[in-house]
Amino acid sequence: MPSGTVRVVSYNDSGTIRVRLFPEGDARNVDRFQFWCESAERRLPVSRHLATALGINTAGVTKFVDGLDLLFNKLWGSDAIIVVGGHTVPRSLRRILQELVPLHAILVWADAV
């Protein structure tokens, strides 16, 4: 997900309002990403859908959001664990952290700035 602006378009999927994200990139990769998002949402309650996170409840809405803001502030929130200095963390410690991270959380490796 890019840190820049991402176009979001809502649509009606058999009575469920969903959104498609349009990040920059190769069209085939964007298509696969959109398919993955839709497939994942079908297994989640509506309260965890992207449209709900963005406050969209009707089809045909176009919105522009910051990609990283969407991930960290709307979707993951406290479920993201960020390890700064990612590439400098020894492999053994990486393995331990990956094994211990809670199942509901995501582990993000970030290089120090």
C-alpha atoms as a PDB file:
ATOM      1  CA  MET A   1       0.000   0.000   0.000  1.00  0.00           C
ATOM      2  CA  PRO A   2       1.533   3.324  -0.991  1.00  0.00           C
ATOM      3  CA  SER A   3       1.877   6.169   1.463  1.00  0.00           C
ATOM      4  CA  GLY A   4       0.303   8.514  -1.051  1.00  0.00           C
ATOM      5  CA  THR A   5      -3.265   9.058  -2.163  1.00  0.00           C
ATOM      6  CA  VAL A   6      -5.354   6.045  -3.151  1.00  0.00           C
ATOM      7  CA  ARG A   7      -8.674   6.304  -4.990  1.00  0.00           C
ATOM      8  CA  VAL A   8     -11.551   4.407  -3.364  1.00  0.00           C
ATOM      9  CA  VAL A   9     -14.806   3.619  -5.194  1.00  0.00           C
ATOM     10  CA  SER A  10     -17.829   2.000  -3.527  1.00  0.00           C
ATOM     11  CA  TYR A  11     -20.114  -0.528  -5.218  1.00  0.00           C
ATOM     12  CA  ASN A  12     -23.057  -2.783  -4.361  1.00  0.00           C
ATOM     13  CA  ASP A  13     -22.176  -6.483  -4.172  1.00  0.00           C
ATOM     14  CA  SER A  14     -25.506  -8.333  -3.861  1.00  0.00           C
ATOM     15  CA  GLY A  15     -26.764  -5.993  -1.159  1.00  0.00           C
ATOM     16  CA  THR A  16     -23.425  -5.436   0.587  1.00  0.00           C
ATOM     17  CA  ILE A  17     -21.625  -2.128   0.062  1.00  0.00           C
ATOM     18  CA  ARG A  18     -17.957  -2.737  -0.688  1.00  0.00           C
ATOM     19  CA  VAL A  19     -15.121  -0.543  -1.894  1.00  0.00           C
ATOM     20  CA  ARG A  20     -12.350  -1.072  -4.396  1.00  0.00           C
ATOM     21  CA  LEU A  21      -8.975   0.487  -3.741  1.00  0.00           C
ATOM     22  CA  PHE A  22      -7.004   1.712  -6.739  1.00  0.00           C
ATOM     23  CA  PRO A  23      -3.359   1.996  -5.635  1.00  0.00           C
ATOM     24  CA  GLU A  24      -0.739   2.845  -8.242  1.00  0.00           C
ATOM     25  CA  GLY A  25       0.927  -0.089  -9.898  1.00  0.00           C
ATOM     26  CA  ASP A  26       0.696  -2.698 -12.608  1.00  0.00           C
ATOM     27  CA  ALA A  27      -2.973  -3.248 -13.569  1.00  0.00           C
ATOM     28  CA  ARG A  28      -2.685  -7.032 -13.119  1.00  0.00           C
ATOM     29  CA  ASN A  29      -1.362  -6.589  -9.595  1.00  0.00           C
ATOM     30  CA  VAL A  30      -4.110  -4.093  -8.751  1.00  0.00           C
ATOM     31  CA  ASP A  31      -6.731  -6.554 -10.073  1.00  0.00           C
ATOM     32  CA  ARG A  32      -5.281  -9.365  -7.934  1.00  0.00           C
ATOM     33  CA  PHE A  33      -5.173  -7.054  -4.896  1.00  0.00           C
ATOM     34  CA  GLN A  34      -8.825  -6.055  -5.405  1.00  0.00           C
ATOM     35  CA  PHE A  35      -9.864  -9.704  -5.797  1.00  0.00           C
ATOM     36  CA  TRP A  36      -7.980 -10.595  -2.603  1.00  0.00           C
ATOM     37  CA  CYS A  37      -9.654  -7.744  -0.663  1.00  0.00           C
ATOM     38  CA  GLU A  38     -13.117  -8.806  -1.796  1.00  0.00           C
ATOM     39  CA  SER A  39     -12.443 -12.467  -1.015  1.00  0.00           C
ATOM     40  CA  ALA A  40     -11.109 -11.601   2.446  1.00  0.00           C
ATOM     41  CA  GLU A  41     -14.091  -9.349   3.219  1.00  0.00           C
ATOM     42  CA  ARG A  42     -16.546 -12.130   2.397  1.00  0.00           C
ATOM     43  CA  ARG A  43     -15.165 -13.997   5.428  1.00  0.00           C
ATOM     44  CA  LEU A  44     -15.386 -11.001   7.789  1.00  0.00           C
ATOM     45  CA  PRO A  45     -18.327  -9.369   9.554  1.00  0.00           C
ATOM     46  CA  VAL A  46     -19.513  -6.099   7.976  1.00  0.00           C
ATOM     47  CA  SER A  47     -18.056  -4.201  10.927  1.00  0.00           C
ATOM     48  CA  ARG A  48     -14.555  -5.123   9.641  1.00  0.00           C
ATOM     49  CA  HIS A  49     -15.152  -4.148   5.977  1.00  0.00           C
ATOM     50  CA  LEU A  50     -13.237  -1.359   4.255  1.00  0.00           C
ATOM     51  CA  ALA A  51     -16.438   0.553   3.438  1.00  0.00           C
ATOM     52  CA  THR A  52     -17.398   0.536   7.115  1.00  0.00           C
ATOM     53  CA  ALA A  53     -13.906   1.683   8.152  1.00  0.00           C
ATOM     54  CA  LEU A  54     -14.189   4.593   5.705  1.00  0.00           C
ATOM     55  CA  GLY A  55     -17.740   5.522   6.712  1.00  0.00           C
ATOM     56  CA  ILE A  56     -19.155   4.700   3.258  1.00  0.00           C
ATOM     57  CA  ASN A  57     -22.648   3.201   3.216  1.00  0.00           C
ATOM     58  CA  THR A  58     -23.841   3.760  -0.361  1.00  0.00           C
ATOM     59  CA  ALA A  59     -22.660   2.626  -3.770  1.00  0.00           C
ATOM     60  CA  GLY A  60     -21.182   5.069  -6.267  1.00  0.00           C
ATOM     61  CA  VAL A  61     -19.064   7.059  -3.797  1.00  0.00           C
ATOM     62  CA  THR A  62     -15.539   8.045  -4.855  1.00  0.00           C
ATOM     63  CA  LYS A  63     -13.121   9.103  -2.155  1.00  0.00           C
ATOM     64  CA  PHE A  64      -9.377   9.699  -1.951  1.00  0.00           C
ATOM     65  CA  VAL A  65      -7.492   8.453   1.124  1.00  0.00           C
ATOM     66  CA  ASP A  66      -3.888   8.162   2.244  1.00  0.00           C
ATOM     67  CA  GLY A  67      -2.907   4.499   1.897  1.00  0.00           C
ATOM     68  CA  LEU A  68      -0.865   4.218   5.083  1.00  0.00           C
ATOM     69  CA  ASP A  69      -3.409   6.210   7.091  1.00  0.00           C
ATOM     70  CA  LEU A  70      -6.050   3.722   5.949  1.00  0.00           C
ATOM     71  CA  LEU A  71      -3.948   0.796   7.134  1.00  0.00           C
ATOM     72  CA  PHE A  72      -2.709   2.157  10.445  1.00  0.00           C
ATOM     73  CA  ASN A  73      -5.573   4.371  11.616  1.00  0.00           C
ATOM     74  CA  LYS A  74      -8.649   2.760  10.093  1.00  0.00           C
ATOM     75  CA  LEU A  75      -7.841  -0.949   9.805  1.00  0.00           C
ATOM     76  CA  TRP A  76      -4.983  -2.158  11.997  1.00  0.00           C
ATOM     77  CA  GLY A  77      -4.942   0.389  14.791  1.00  0.00           C
ATOM     78  CA  SER A  78      -3.488  -1.304  17.850  1.00  0.00           C
ATOM     79  CA  ASP A  79      -3.262  -4.577  15.918  1.00  0.00           C
ATOM     80  CA  ALA A  80      -0.070  -3.437  14.165  1.00  0.00           C
ATOM     81  CA  ILE A  81       3.317  -3.977  15.771  1.00  0.00           C
ATOM     82  CA  ILE A  82       6.051  -1.904  14.128  1.00  0.00           C
ATOM     83  CA  VAL A  83       9.676  -2.957  14.476  1.00  0.00           C
ATOM     84  CA  VAL A  84      11.931  -0.028  13.573  1.00  0.00           C
ATOM     85  CA  GLY A  85      15.370  -0.883  12.222  1.00  0.00           C
ATOM     86  CA  GLY A  86      13.865  -3.872  10.424  1.00  0.00           C
ATOM     87  CA  HIS A  87      16.857  -4.912   8.323  1.00  0.00           C
ATOM     88  CA  THR A  88      19.230  -4.621  11.292  1.00  0.00           C
ATOM     89  CA  VAL A  89      17.278  -7.053  13.505  1.00  0.00           C
ATOM     90  CA  PRO A  90      19.112 -10.401  13.712  1.00  0.00           C
ATOM     91  CA  ARG A  91      17.364 -13.314  11.963  1.00  0.00           C
ATOM     92  CA  SER A  92      17.015 -15.262  15.201  1.00  0.00           C
ATOM     93  CA  LEU A  93      15.179 -12.360  16.835  1.00  0.00           C
ATOM     94  CA  ARG A  94      13.008 -11.910  13.741  1.00  0.00           C
ATOM     95  CA  ARG A  95      11.928 -15.563  13.933  1.00  0.00           C
ATOM     96  CA  ILE A  96      11.102 -15.266  17.625  1.00  0.00           C
ATOM     97  CA  LEU A  97       9.058 -12.095  17.082  1.00  0.00           C
ATOM     98  CA  GLN A  98       7.177 -13.667  14.169  1.00  0.00           C
ATOM     99  CA  GLU A  99       6.316 -16.700  16.294  1.00  0.00           C
ATOM    100  CA  LEU A 100       5.180 -14.617  19.282  1.00  0.00           C
ATOM    101  CA  VAL A 101       3.102 -11.969  17.496  1.00  0.00           C
ATOM    102  CA  PRO A 102      -0.595 -12.427  18.398  1.00  0.00           C
ATOM    103  CA  LEU A 103      -2.706 -13.999  15.647  1.00  0.00           C
ATOM    104  CA  HIS A 104      -4.919 -10.907  15.372  1.00  0.00           C
ATOM    105  CA  ALA A 105      -1.932  -8.582  14.854  1.00  0.00           C
ATOM    106  CA  ILE A 106       0.351  -7.773  11.954  1.00  0.00           C
ATOM    107  CA  LEU A 107       4.093  -7.374  12.310  1.00  0.00           C
ATOM    108  CA  VAL A 108       5.544  -4.517  10.225  1.00  0.00           C
ATOM    109  CA  TRP A 109       9.301  -4.254   9.638  1.00  0.00           C
ATOM    110  CA  ALA A 110      10.413  -0.676   9.053  1.00  0.00           C
ATOM    111  CA  ASP A 111      13.922   0.560   8.349  1.00  0.00           C
ATOM    112  CA  ALA A 112      15.126   3.322  10.637  1.00  0.00           C
ATOM    113  CA  VAL A 113      14.884   6.816   9.197  1.00  0.00           C
END
